[in-house]
Amino acid sequence: MNRRKNVVAAGLAATVSALALTVAGSAVPAQAAPSAAAAGVDCDGWVHNNNPDHGIAGCKNNTDRTVTFRAEIVCGWAPDVSGQWVTLAPGQYNESSGVCAIYSSGVGSVGWTIQ
């Protein structure tokens, strides 16, 4: 009888997972056009080599005006985190970072917001 419960539970879990993937697969991610502030600013996001809870975004300002940006870190099993605002003069590079809570499952992704 215990084996039957496990088989039913496994089948139910597989059905729920398949349903979740089907629903997630049908969603189309929104893609916004780059803002005027973001045009000419090159950014990249990554997870720190020694700390899977630490997300970093680095940007270079290739415009002729000052821009401000910050890292936006998605944390698994914990609230998302925003890094500090960083101001870049034309031609300047700098980084913004944030650390997920200790109980998170680590950084899921790193993005950025540009003003």
PDB file of N, CA and C in Angstrom:
ATOM      1  N   MET A   1       0.828  -1.190   0.000  1.00  0.00           N
ATOM      2  CA  MET A   1       0.000   0.000   0.000  1.00  0.00           C
ATOM      3  C   MET A   1       0.869   1.250   0.000  1.00  0.00           C
ATOM      4  N   ASN A   2       1.961   1.217   0.705  1.00  0.00           N
ATOM      5  CA  ASN A   2       2.854   2.367   0.730  1.00  0.00           C
ATOM      6  C   ASN A   2       3.434   2.628  -0.650  1.00  0.00           C
ATOM      7  N   ARG A   3       3.756   1.561  -1.383  1.00  0.00           N
ATOM      8  CA  ARG A   3       4.288   1.714  -2.733  1.00  0.00           C
ATOM      9  C   ARG A   3       3.259   2.380  -3.642  1.00  0.00           C
ATOM     10  N   ARG A   4       1.999   2.033  -3.485  1.00  0.00           N
ATOM     11  CA  ARG A   4       0.952   2.617  -4.316  1.00  0.00           C
ATOM     12  C   ARG A   4       0.831   4.120  -4.057  1.00  0.00           C
ATOM     13  N   LYS A   5       0.936   4.544  -2.810  1.00  0.00           N
ATOM     14  CA  LYS A   5       0.877   5.966  -2.482  1.00  0.00           C
ATOM     15  C   LYS A   5       2.031   6.706  -3.143  1.00  0.00           C
ATOM     16  N   ASN A   6       3.229   6.087  -3.132  1.00  0.00           N
ATOM     17  CA  ASN A   6       4.389   6.724  -3.752  1.00  0.00           C
ATOM     18  C   ASN A   6       4.206   6.863  -5.255  1.00  0.00           C
ATOM     19  N   VAL A   7       3.647   5.844  -5.893  1.00  0.00           N
ATOM     20  CA  VAL A   7       3.429   5.888  -7.335  1.00  0.00           C
ATOM     21  C   VAL A   7       2.399   6.959  -7.681  1.00  0.00           C
ATOM     22  N   VAL A   8       1.328   7.035  -6.900  1.00  0.00           N
ATOM     23  CA  VAL A   8       0.300   8.050  -7.132  1.00  0.00           C
ATOM     24  C   VAL A   8       0.884   9.444  -6.908  1.00  0.00           C
ATOM     25  N   ALA A   9       1.665   9.614  -5.854  1.00  0.00           N
ATOM     26  CA  ALA A   9       2.275  10.914  -5.566  1.00  0.00           C
ATOM     27  C   ALA A   9       3.250  11.306  -6.677  1.00  0.00           C
ATOM     28  N   ALA A  10       4.025  10.350  -7.177  1.00  0.00           N
ATOM     29  CA  ALA A  10       4.969  10.638  -8.254  1.00  0.00           C
ATOM     30  C   ALA A  10       4.216  11.012  -9.531  1.00  0.00           C
ATOM     31  N   GLY A  11       3.138  10.309  -9.826  1.00  0.00           N
ATOM     32  CA  GLY A  11       2.336  10.624 -11.007  1.00  0.00           C
ATOM     33  C   GLY A  11       1.699  11.992 -10.910  1.00  0.00           C
ATOM     34  N   LEU A  12       1.205  12.325  -9.727  1.00  0.00           N
ATOM     35  CA  LEU A  12       0.614  13.640  -9.510  1.00  0.00           C
ATOM     36  C   LEU A  12       1.664  14.732  -9.660  1.00  0.00           C
ATOM     37  N   ALA A  13       2.842  14.509  -9.105  1.00  0.00           N
ATOM     38  CA  ALA A  13       3.919  15.499  -9.214  1.00  0.00           C
ATOM     39  C   ALA A  13       4.328  15.692 -10.667  1.00  0.00           C
ATOM     40  N   ALA A  14       4.406  14.619 -11.433  1.00  0.00           N
ATOM     41  CA  ALA A  14       4.771  14.724 -12.851  1.00  0.00           C
ATOM     42  C   ALA A  14       3.706  15.484 -13.630  1.00  0.00           C
ATOM     43  N   THR A  15       2.437  15.237 -13.319  1.00  0.00           N
ATOM     44  CA  THR A  15       1.344  15.932 -13.998  1.00  0.00           C
ATOM     45  C   THR A  15       1.374  17.416 -13.690  1.00  0.00           C
ATOM     46  N   VAL A  16       1.575  17.762 -12.433  1.00  0.00           N
ATOM     47  CA  VAL A  16       1.631  19.172 -12.036  1.00  0.00           C
ATOM     48  C   VAL A  16       2.826  19.850 -12.699  1.00  0.00           C
ATOM     49  N   SER A  17       3.980  19.176 -12.740  1.00  0.00           N
ATOM     50  CA  SER A  17       5.168  19.747 -13.380  1.00  0.00           C
ATOM     51  C   SER A  17       4.934  19.962 -14.864  1.00  0.00           C
ATOM     52  N   ALA A  18       4.336  18.989 -15.531  1.00  0.00           N
ATOM     53  CA  ALA A  18       4.071  19.118 -16.965  1.00  0.00           C
ATOM     54  C   ALA A  18       3.098  20.263 -17.229  1.00  0.00           C
ATOM     55  N   LEU A  19       2.091  20.392 -16.375  1.00  0.00           N
ATOM     56  CA  LEU A  19       1.125  21.470 -16.527  1.00  0.00           C
ATOM     57  C   LEU A  19       1.801  22.825 -16.333  1.00  0.00           C
ATOM     58  N   ALA A  20       2.657  22.923 -15.337  1.00  0.00           N
ATOM     59  CA  ALA A  20       3.360  24.172 -15.073  1.00  0.00           C
ATOM     60  C   ALA A  20       4.262  24.542 -16.246  1.00  0.00           C
ATOM     61  N   LEU A  21       4.942  23.556 -16.825  1.00  0.00           N
ATOM     62  CA  LEU A  21       5.793  23.831 -17.981  1.00  0.00           C
ATOM     63  C   LEU A  21       4.975  24.254 -19.185  1.00  0.00           C
ATOM     64  N   THR A  22       3.814  23.650 -19.358  1.00  0.00           N
ATOM     65  CA  THR A  22       2.955  24.007 -20.480  1.00  0.00           C
ATOM     66  C   THR A  22       2.475  25.445 -20.337  1.00  0.00           C
ATOM     67  N   VAL A  23       2.037  25.821 -19.149  1.00  0.00           N
ATOM     68  CA  VAL A  23       1.567  27.182 -18.912  1.00  0.00           C
ATOM     69  C   VAL A  23       2.721  28.161 -19.070  1.00  0.00           C
ATOM     70  N   ALA A  24       3.885  27.841 -18.493  1.00  0.00           N
ATOM     71  CA  ALA A  24       5.038  28.736 -18.588  1.00  0.00           C
ATOM     72  C   ALA A  24       5.527  28.832 -20.022  1.00  0.00           C
ATOM     73  N   GLY A  25       5.464  27.735 -20.755  1.00  0.00           N
ATOM     74  CA  GLY A  25       5.928  27.738 -22.136  1.00  0.00           C
ATOM     75  C   GLY A  25       5.057  28.562 -23.053  1.00  0.00           C
ATOM     76  N   SER A  26       3.783  28.736 -22.702  1.00  0.00           N
ATOM     77  CA  SER A  26       2.895  29.505 -23.561  1.00  0.00           C
ATOM     78  C   SER A  26       2.983  31.002 -23.290  1.00  0.00           C
ATOM     79  N   ALA A  27       3.583  31.384 -22.202  1.00  0.00           N
ATOM     80  CA  ALA A  27       3.721  32.802 -21.894  1.00  0.00           C
ATOM     81  C   ALA A  27       4.823  33.401 -22.758  1.00  0.00           C
ATOM     82  N   VAL A  28       4.565  34.544 -23.322  1.00  0.00           N
ATOM     83  CA  VAL A  28       5.555  35.226 -24.143  1.00  0.00           C
ATOM     84  C   VAL A  28       6.148  36.355 -23.310  1.00  0.00           C
ATOM     85  N   PRO A  29       7.477  36.346 -23.125  1.00  0.00           N
ATOM     86  CA  PRO A  29       8.071  37.400 -22.307  1.00  0.00           C
ATOM     87  C   PRO A  29       7.916  38.754 -22.979  1.00  0.00           C
ATOM     88  N   ALA A  30       7.639  39.763 -22.173  1.00  0.00           N
ATOM     89  CA  ALA A  30       7.505  41.116 -22.689  1.00  0.00           C
ATOM     90  C   ALA A  30       8.878  41.663 -23.022  1.00  0.00           C
ATOM     91  N   GLN A  31       8.986  42.319 -24.146  1.00  0.00           N
ATOM     92  CA  GLN A  31      10.239  42.930 -24.536  1.00  0.00           C
ATOM     93  C   GLN A  31       9.990  44.400 -24.791  1.00  0.00           C
ATOM     94  N   ALA A  32      10.559  45.219 -23.936  1.00  0.00           N
ATOM     95  CA  ALA A  32      10.389  46.656 -24.079  1.00  0.00           C
ATOM     96  C   ALA A  32      11.497  47.214 -24.958  1.00  0.00           C
ATOM     97  N   ALA A  33      11.160  48.250 -25.685  1.00  0.00           N
ATOM     98  CA  ALA A  33      12.176  48.926 -26.486  1.00  0.00           C
ATOM     99  C   ALA A  33      13.143  49.618 -25.534  1.00  0.00           C
ATOM    100  N   PRO A  34      14.435  49.670 -25.875  1.00  0.00           N
ATOM    101  CA  PRO A  34      15.381  50.327 -24.985  1.00  0.00           C
ATOM    102  C   PRO A  34      15.033  51.799 -24.825  1.00  0.00           C
ATOM    103  N   SER A  35      15.141  52.286 -23.610  1.00  0.00           N
ATOM    104  CA  SER A  35      14.852  53.694 -23.355  1.00  0.00           C
ATOM    105  C   SER A  35      15.986  54.547 -23.920  1.00  0.00           C
ATOM    106  N   ALA A  36      15.742  55.832 -24.016  1.00  0.00           N
ATOM    107  CA  ALA A  36      16.765  56.743 -24.526  1.00  0.00           C
ATOM    108  C   ALA A  36      17.995  56.712 -23.633  1.00  0.00           C
ATOM    109  N   ALA A  37      17.791  56.563 -22.298  1.00  0.00           N
ATOM    110  CA  ALA A  37      18.916  56.517 -21.376  1.00  0.00           C
ATOM    111  C   ALA A  37      19.734  55.248 -21.567  1.00  0.00           C
ATOM    112  N   ALA A  38      19.081  54.129 -21.947  1.00  0.00           N
ATOM    113  CA  ALA A  38      19.775  52.854 -22.087  1.00  0.00           C
ATOM    114  C   ALA A  38      20.534  52.745 -23.404  1.00  0.00           C
ATOM    115  N   ALA A  39      20.151  53.506 -24.421  1.00  0.00           N
ATOM    116  CA  ALA A  39      20.832  53.440 -25.708  1.00  0.00           C
ATOM    117  C   ALA A  39      22.265  53.924 -25.538  1.00  0.00           C
ATOM    118  N   GLY A  40      23.222  53.095 -25.932  1.00  0.00           N
ATOM    119  CA  GLY A  40      24.631  53.467 -25.809  1.00  0.00           C
ATOM    120  C   GLY A  40      25.257  53.083 -24.487  1.00  0.00           C
ATOM    121  N   VAL A  41      24.522  52.425 -23.607  1.00  0.00           N
ATOM    122  CA  VAL A  41      25.078  51.942 -22.346  1.00  0.00           C
ATOM    123  C   VAL A  41      25.180  50.420 -22.439  1.00  0.00           C
ATOM    124  N   ASP A  42      26.392  49.898 -22.312  1.00  0.00           N
ATOM    125  CA  ASP A  42      26.621  48.447 -22.393  1.00  0.00           C
ATOM    126  C   ASP A  42      26.721  47.870 -20.995  1.00  0.00           C
ATOM    127  N   CYS A  43      25.839  46.896 -20.690  1.00  0.00           N
ATOM    128  CA  CYS A  43      25.808  46.290 -19.361  1.00  0.00           C
ATOM    129  C   CYS A  43      25.897  44.777 -19.458  1.00  0.00           C
ATOM    130  N   ASP A  44      26.373  44.167 -18.386  1.00  0.00           N
ATOM    131  CA  ASP A  44      26.448  42.720 -18.274  1.00  0.00           C
ATOM    132  C   ASP A  44      26.210  42.365 -16.814  1.00  0.00           C
ATOM    133  N   GLY A  45      25.583  41.214 -16.571  1.00  0.00           N
ATOM    134  CA  GLY A  45      25.326  40.775 -15.207  1.00  0.00           C
ATOM    135  C   GLY A  45      25.896  39.392 -14.975  1.00  0.00           C
ATOM    136  N   TRP A  46      26.368  39.121 -13.756  1.00  0.00           N
ATOM    137  CA  TRP A  46      26.936  37.819 -13.431  1.00  0.00           C
ATOM    138  C   TRP A  46      26.864  37.565 -11.933  1.00  0.00           C
ATOM    139  N   VAL A  47      27.141  36.315 -11.563  1.00  0.00           N
ATOM    140  CA  VAL A  47      27.169  35.894 -10.162  1.00  0.00           C
ATOM    141  C   VAL A  47      28.630  35.837  -9.719  1.00  0.00           C
ATOM    142  N   HIS A  48      28.900  36.312  -8.525  1.00  0.00           N
ATOM    143  CA  HIS A  48      30.263  36.316  -7.975  1.00  0.00           C
ATOM    144  C   HIS A  48      30.830  34.904  -7.951  1.00  0.00           C
ATOM    145  N   ASN A  49      32.102  34.757  -8.289  1.00  0.00           N
ATOM    146  CA  ASN A  49      32.755  33.438  -8.345  1.00  0.00           C
ATOM    147  C   ASN A  49      32.738  32.676  -7.028  1.00  0.00           C
ATOM    148  N   ASN A  50      32.886  33.375  -5.911  1.00  0.00           N
ATOM    149  CA  ASN A  50      33.007  32.706  -4.612  1.00  0.00           C
ATOM    150  C   ASN A  50      31.759  32.767  -3.751  1.00  0.00           C
ATOM    151  N   ASN A  51      30.737  33.481  -4.202  1.00  0.00           N
ATOM    152  CA  ASN A  51      29.527  33.632  -3.396  1.00  0.00           C
ATOM    153  C   ASN A  51      28.296  33.558  -4.299  1.00  0.00           C
ATOM    154  N   PRO A  52      27.582  32.425  -4.312  1.00  0.00           N
ATOM    155  CA  PRO A  52      26.422  32.277  -5.195  1.00  0.00           C
ATOM    156  C   PRO A  52      25.234  33.163  -4.807  1.00  0.00           C
ATOM    157  N   ASP A  53      25.319  33.878  -3.689  1.00  0.00           N
ATOM    158  CA  ASP A  53      24.264  34.798  -3.261  1.00  0.00           C
ATOM    159  C   ASP A  53      24.546  36.241  -3.690  1.00  0.00           C
ATOM    160  N   HIS A  54      25.665  36.488  -4.357  1.00  0.00           N
ATOM    161  CA  HIS A  54      26.111  37.841  -4.700  1.00  0.00           C
ATOM    162  C   HIS A  54      26.003  38.062  -6.206  1.00  0.00           C
ATOM    163  N   GLY A  55      25.110  38.980  -6.615  1.00  0.00           N
ATOM    164  CA  GLY A  55      24.937  39.312  -8.026  1.00  0.00           C
ATOM    165  C   GLY A  55      25.549  40.661  -8.341  1.00  0.00           C
ATOM    166  N   ILE A  56      26.141  40.779  -9.532  1.00  0.00           N
ATOM    167  CA  ILE A  56      26.847  41.997  -9.922  1.00  0.00           C
ATOM    168  C   ILE A  56      26.427  42.398 -11.335  1.00  0.00           C
ATOM    169  N   ALA A  57      26.227  43.692 -11.539  1.00  0.00           N
ATOM    170  CA  ALA A  57      25.993  44.240 -12.874  1.00  0.00           C
ATOM    171  C   ALA A  57      27.054  45.298 -13.131  1.00  0.00           C
ATOM    172  N   GLY A  58      27.689  45.215 -14.281  1.00  0.00           N
ATOM    173  CA  GLY A  58      28.692  46.200 -14.670  1.00  0.00           C
ATOM    174  C   GLY A  58      28.246  46.889 -15.946  1.00  0.00           C
ATOM    175  N   CYS A  59      28.383  48.214 -15.987  1.00  0.00           N
ATOM    176  CA  CYS A  59      27.961  48.976 -17.155  1.00  0.00           C
ATOM    177  C   CYS A  59      29.043  49.959 -17.587  1.00  0.00           C
ATOM    178  N   LYS A  60      29.111  50.185 -18.911  1.00  0.00           N
ATOM    179  CA  LYS A  60      29.990  51.205 -19.480  1.00  0.00           C
ATOM    180  C   LYS A  60      29.115  52.203 -20.217  1.00  0.00           C
ATOM    181  N   ASN A  61      29.343  53.474 -19.939  1.00  0.00           N
ATOM    182  CA  ASN A  61      28.579  54.557 -20.543  1.00  0.00           C
ATOM    183  C   ASN A  61      29.259  54.989 -21.838  1.00  0.00           C
ATOM    184  N   ASN A  62      28.676  54.627 -22.974  1.00  0.00           N
ATOM    185  CA  ASN A  62      29.206  55.010 -24.281  1.00  0.00           C
ATOM    186  C   ASN A  62      28.474  56.218 -24.860  1.00  0.00           C
ATOM    187  N   THR A  63      27.741  56.939 -24.023  1.00  0.00           N
ATOM    188  CA  THR A  63      26.993  58.111 -24.489  1.00  0.00           C
ATOM    189  C   THR A  63      27.794  59.383 -24.205  1.00  0.00           C
ATOM    190  N   ASP A  64      27.209  60.510 -24.572  1.00  0.00           N
ATOM    191  CA  ASP A  64      27.851  61.803 -24.308  1.00  0.00           C
ATOM    192  C   ASP A  64      27.218  62.516 -23.111  1.00  0.00           C
ATOM    193  N   ARG A  65      26.450  61.780 -22.307  1.00  0.00           N
ATOM    194  CA  ARG A  65      25.814  62.373 -21.122  1.00  0.00           C
ATOM    195  C   ARG A  65      25.946  61.425 -19.928  1.00  0.00           C
ATOM    196  N   THR A  66      25.712  61.939 -18.740  1.00  0.00           N
ATOM    197  CA  THR A  66      25.788  61.149 -17.516  1.00  0.00           C
ATOM    198  C   THR A  66      24.562  60.250 -17.395  1.00  0.00           C
ATOM    199  N   VAL A  67      24.770  58.987 -16.996  1.00  0.00           N
ATOM    200  CA  VAL A  67      23.670  58.055 -16.753  1.00  0.00           C
ATOM    201  C   VAL A  67      23.840  57.431 -15.371  1.00  0.00           C
ATOM    202  N   THR A  68      22.737  56.944 -14.835  1.00  0.00           N
ATOM    203  CA  THR A  68      22.737  56.278 -13.539  1.00  0.00           C
ATOM    204  C   THR A  68      22.102  54.908 -13.704  1.00  0.00           C
ATOM    205  N   PHE A  69      22.668  53.880 -13.042  1.00  0.00           N
ATOM    206  CA  PHE A  69      22.125  52.532 -13.127  1.00  0.00           C
ATOM    207  C   PHE A  69      22.273  51.831 -11.783  1.00  0.00           C
ATOM    208  N   ARG A  70      21.571  50.711 -11.656  1.00  0.00           N
ATOM    209  CA  ARG A  70      21.748  49.844 -10.493  1.00  0.00           C
ATOM    210  C   ARG A  70      21.443  48.406 -10.891  1.00  0.00           C
ATOM    211  N   ALA A  71      22.012  47.471 -10.139  1.00  0.00           N
ATOM    212  CA  ALA A  71      21.787  46.042 -10.362  1.00  0.00           C
ATOM    213  C   ALA A  71      20.435  45.653  -9.795  1.00  0.00           C
ATOM    214  N   GLU A  72      19.769  44.719 -10.467  1.00  0.00           N
ATOM    215  CA  GLU A  72      18.505  44.132 -10.013  1.00  0.00           C
ATOM    216  C   GLU A  72      18.728  42.627  -9.937  1.00  0.00           C
ATOM    217  N   ILE A  73      18.786  42.077  -8.724  1.00  0.00           N
ATOM    218  CA  ILE A  73      19.122  40.668  -8.516  1.00  0.00           C
ATOM    219  C   ILE A  73      17.878  39.876  -8.147  1.00  0.00           C
ATOM    220  N   VAL A  74      17.633  38.792  -8.886  1.00  0.00           N
ATOM    221  CA  VAL A  74      16.525  37.885  -8.592  1.00  0.00           C
ATOM    222  C   VAL A  74      17.073  36.793  -7.685  1.00  0.00           C
ATOM    223  N   CYS A  75      16.467  36.651  -6.498  1.00  0.00           N
ATOM    224  CA  CYS A  75      16.930  35.687  -5.503  1.00  0.00           C
ATOM    225  C   CYS A  75      15.909  34.560  -5.366  1.00  0.00           C
ATOM    226  N   GLY A  76      16.377  33.329  -5.455  1.00  0.00           N
ATOM    227  CA  GLY A  76      15.481  32.196  -5.262  1.00  0.00           C
ATOM    228  C   GLY A  76      15.137  32.025  -3.789  1.00  0.00           C
ATOM    229  N   TRP A  77      13.885  31.768  -3.485  1.00  0.00           N
ATOM    230  CA  TRP A  77      13.380  31.510  -2.134  1.00  0.00           C
ATOM    231  C   TRP A  77      13.577  32.689  -1.182  1.00  0.00           C
ATOM    232  N   ALA A  78      13.844  33.878  -1.703  1.00  0.00           N
ATOM    233  CA  ALA A  78      14.009  35.067  -0.860  1.00  0.00           C
ATOM    234  C   ALA A  78      13.600  36.291  -1.690  1.00  0.00           C
ATOM    235  N   PRO A  79      13.329  37.408  -1.035  1.00  0.00           N
ATOM    236  CA  PRO A  79      12.976  38.618  -1.783  1.00  0.00           C
ATOM    237  C   PRO A  79      14.115  39.057  -2.710  1.00  0.00           C
ATOM    238  N   ASP A  80      13.740  39.607  -3.850  1.00  0.00           N
ATOM    239  CA  ASP A  80      14.741  40.124  -4.785  1.00  0.00           C
ATOM    240  C   ASP A  80      15.442  41.335  -4.173  1.00  0.00           C
ATOM    241  N   VAL A  81      16.623  41.655  -4.713  1.00  0.00           N
ATOM    242  CA  VAL A  81      17.468  42.704  -4.145  1.00  0.00           C
ATOM    243  C   VAL A  81      17.863  43.683  -5.244  1.00  0.00           C
ATOM    244  N   SER A  82      17.920  44.966  -4.895  1.00  0.00           N
ATOM    245  CA  SER A  82      18.433  46.000  -5.799  1.00  0.00           C
ATOM    246  C   SER A  82      19.762  46.491  -5.263  1.00  0.00           C
ATOM    247  N   GLY A  83      20.722  46.698  -6.162  1.00  0.00           N
ATOM    248  CA  GLY A  83      22.023  47.222  -5.767  1.00  0.00           C
ATOM    249  C   GLY A  83      21.975  48.723  -5.581  1.00  0.00           C
ATOM    250  N   GLN A  84      23.115  49.290  -5.261  1.00  0.00           N
ATOM    251  CA  GLN A  84      23.227  50.736  -5.072  1.00  0.00           C
ATOM    252  C   GLN A  84      23.199  51.434  -6.425  1.00  0.00           C
ATOM    253  N   TRP A  85      22.682  52.671  -6.453  1.00  0.00           N
ATOM    254  CA  TRP A  85      22.686  53.468  -7.676  1.00  0.00           C
ATOM    255  C   TRP A  85      24.115  53.929  -7.939  1.00  0.00           C
ATOM    256  N   VAL A  86      24.539  53.832  -9.190  1.00  0.00           N
ATOM    257  CA  VAL A  86      25.884  54.237  -9.596  1.00  0.00           C
ATOM    258  C   VAL A  86      25.752  55.231 -10.743  1.00  0.00           C
ATOM    259  N   THR A  87      26.459  56.349 -10.657  1.00  0.00           N
ATOM    260  CA  THR A  87      26.440  57.364 -11.701  1.00  0.00           C
ATOM    261  C   THR A  87      27.694  57.233 -12.552  1.00  0.00           C
ATOM    262  N   LEU A  88      27.484  57.202 -13.870  1.00  0.00           N
ATOM    263  CA  LEU A  88      28.599  57.064 -14.815  1.00  0.00           C
ATOM    264  C   LEU A  88      28.709  58.306 -15.690  1.00  0.00           C
ATOM    265  N   ALA A  89      29.895  58.880 -15.719  1.00  0.00           N
ATOM    266  CA  ALA A  89      30.181  59.966 -16.661  1.00  0.00           C
ATOM    267  C   ALA A  89      30.414  59.338 -18.038  1.00  0.00           C
ATOM    268  N   PRO A  90      30.365  60.122 -19.099  1.00  0.00           N
ATOM    269  CA  PRO A  90      30.623  59.566 -20.427  1.00  0.00           C
ATOM    270  C   PRO A  90      31.967  58.819 -20.478  1.00  0.00           C
ATOM    271  N   GLY A  91      31.935  57.589 -21.037  1.00  0.00           N
ATOM    272  CA  GLY A  91      33.136  56.766 -21.166  1.00  0.00           C
ATOM    273  C   GLY A  91      33.509  55.974 -19.926  1.00  0.00           C
ATOM    274  N   GLN A  92      32.805  56.158 -18.824  1.00  0.00           N
ATOM    275  CA  GLN A  92      33.161  55.514 -17.554  1.00  0.00           C
ATOM    276  C   GLN A  92      32.499  54.153 -17.409  1.00  0.00           C
ATOM    277  N   TYR A  93      33.178  53.225 -16.676  1.00  0.00           N
ATOM    278  CA  TYR A  93      32.665  51.892 -16.335  1.00  0.00           C
ATOM    279  C   TYR A  93      32.625  51.775 -14.814  1.00  0.00           C
ATOM    280  N   ASN A  94      31.589  51.112 -14.300  1.00  0.00           N
ATOM    281  CA  ASN A  94      31.519  50.830 -12.867  1.00  0.00           C
ATOM    282  C   ASN A  94      30.548  49.683 -12.651  1.00  0.00           C
ATOM    283  N   GLU A  95      30.468  49.208 -11.404  1.00  0.00           N
ATOM    284  CA  GLU A  95      29.625  48.068 -11.055  1.00  0.00           C
ATOM    285  C   GLU A  95      28.697  48.400  -9.902  1.00  0.00           C
ATOM    286  N   SER A  96      27.550  47.718  -9.892  1.00  0.00           N
ATOM    287  CA  SER A  96      26.583  47.779  -8.804  1.00  0.00           C
ATOM    288  C   SER A  96      26.297  46.334  -8.423  1.00  0.00           C
ATOM    289  N   SER A  97      26.090  46.066  -7.144  1.00  0.00           N
ATOM    290  CA  SER A  97      25.874  44.681  -6.732  1.00  0.00           C
ATOM    291  C   SER A  97      24.920  44.591  -5.547  1.00  0.00           C
ATOM    292  N   GLY A  98      24.455  43.380  -5.304  1.00  0.00           N
ATOM    293  CA  GLY A  98      23.582  43.112  -4.170  1.00  0.00           C
ATOM    294  C   GLY A  98      23.742  41.663  -3.752  1.00  0.00           C
ATOM    295  N   VAL A  99      23.390  41.387  -2.500  1.00  0.00           N
ATOM    296  CA  VAL A  99      23.532  40.045  -1.950  1.00  0.00           C
ATOM    297  C   VAL A  99      22.167  39.541  -1.494  1.00  0.00           C
ATOM    298  N   CYS A 100      21.810  38.338  -1.942  1.00  0.00           N
ATOM    299  CA  CYS A 100      20.555  37.708  -1.535  1.00  0.00           C
ATOM    300  C   CYS A 100      20.639  37.260  -0.077  1.00  0.00           C
ATOM    301  N   ALA A 101      19.485  37.098   0.549  1.00  0.00           N
ATOM    302  CA  ALA A 101      19.424  36.642   1.940  1.00  0.00           C
ATOM    303  C   ALA A 101      20.064  35.263   2.077  1.00  0.00           C
ATOM    304  N   ILE A 102      20.550  34.973   3.256  1.00  0.00           N
ATOM    305  CA  ILE A 102      21.253  33.717   3.529  1.00  0.00           C
ATOM    306  C   ILE A 102      20.361  32.498   3.270  1.00  0.00           C
ATOM    307  N   TYR A 103      19.049  32.645   3.425  1.00  0.00           N
ATOM    308  CA  TYR A 103      18.134  31.518   3.229  1.00  0.00           C
ATOM    309  C   TYR A 103      17.677  31.362   1.774  1.00  0.00           C
ATOM    310  N   SER A 104      18.203  32.181   0.863  1.00  0.00           N
ATOM    311  CA  SER A 104      17.809  32.051  -0.542  1.00  0.00           C
ATOM    312  C   SER A 104      18.499  30.841  -1.161  1.00  0.00           C
ATOM    313  N   SER A 105      18.040  30.462  -2.342  1.00  0.00           N
ATOM    314  CA  SER A 105      18.700  29.367  -3.063  1.00  0.00           C
ATOM    315  C   SER A 105      19.757  29.918  -4.010  1.00  0.00           C
ATOM    316  N   GLY A 106      20.096  31.176  -3.873  1.00  0.00           N
ATOM    317  CA  GLY A 106      21.142  31.808  -4.684  1.00  0.00           C
ATOM    318  C   GLY A 106      20.572  32.741  -5.733  1.00  0.00           C
ATOM    319  N   VAL A 107      21.462  33.388  -6.451  1.00  0.00           N
ATOM    320  CA  VAL A 107      21.081  34.334  -7.493  1.00  0.00           C
ATOM    321  C   VAL A 107      20.493  33.573  -8.674  1.00  0.00           C
ATOM    322  N   GLY A 108      19.300  33.947  -9.087  1.00  0.00           N
ATOM    323  CA  GLY A 108      18.674  33.338 -10.239  1.00  0.00           C
ATOM    324  C   GLY A 108      19.041  34.070 -11.517  1.00  0.00           C
ATOM    325  N   SER A 109      19.109  35.389 -11.443  1.00  0.00           N
ATOM    326  CA  SER A 109      19.520  36.196 -12.590  1.00  0.00           C
ATOM    327  C   SER A 109      19.906  37.586 -12.105  1.00  0.00           C
ATOM    328  N   VAL A 110      20.652  38.282 -12.962  1.00  0.00           N
ATOM    329  CA  VAL A 110      21.071  39.655 -12.656  1.00  0.00           C
ATOM    330  C   VAL A 110      20.671  40.532 -13.833  1.00  0.00           C
ATOM    331  N   GLY A 111      19.965  41.603 -13.536  1.00  0.00           N
ATOM    332  CA  GLY A 111      19.588  42.588 -14.538  1.00  0.00           C
ATOM    333  C   GLY A 111      20.013  43.960 -14.062  1.00  0.00           C
ATOM    334  N   TRP A 112      19.518  45.009 -14.707  1.00  0.00           N
ATOM    335  CA  TRP A 112      19.883  46.358 -14.325  1.00  0.00           C
ATOM    336  C   TRP A 112      18.785  47.326 -14.733  1.00  0.00           C
ATOM    337  N   THR A 113      18.745  48.437 -14.034  1.00  0.00           N
ATOM    338  CA  THR A 113      17.836  49.534 -14.337  1.00  0.00           C
ATOM    339  C   THR A 113      18.687  50.748 -14.642  1.00  0.00           C
ATOM    340  N   ILE A 114      18.389  51.423 -15.751  1.00  0.00           N
ATOM    341  CA  ILE A 114      19.160  52.603 -16.152  1.00  0.00           C
ATOM    342  C   ILE A 114      18.246  53.816 -16.141  1.00  0.00           C
ATOM    343  N   GLN A 115      18.750  54.907 -15.579  1.00  0.00           N
ATOM    344  CA  GLN A 115      18.002  56.174 -15.561  1.00  0.00           C
ATOM    345  C   GLN A 115      18.696  57.173 -16.431  1.00  0.00           C
TER     346      GLN A 115
END
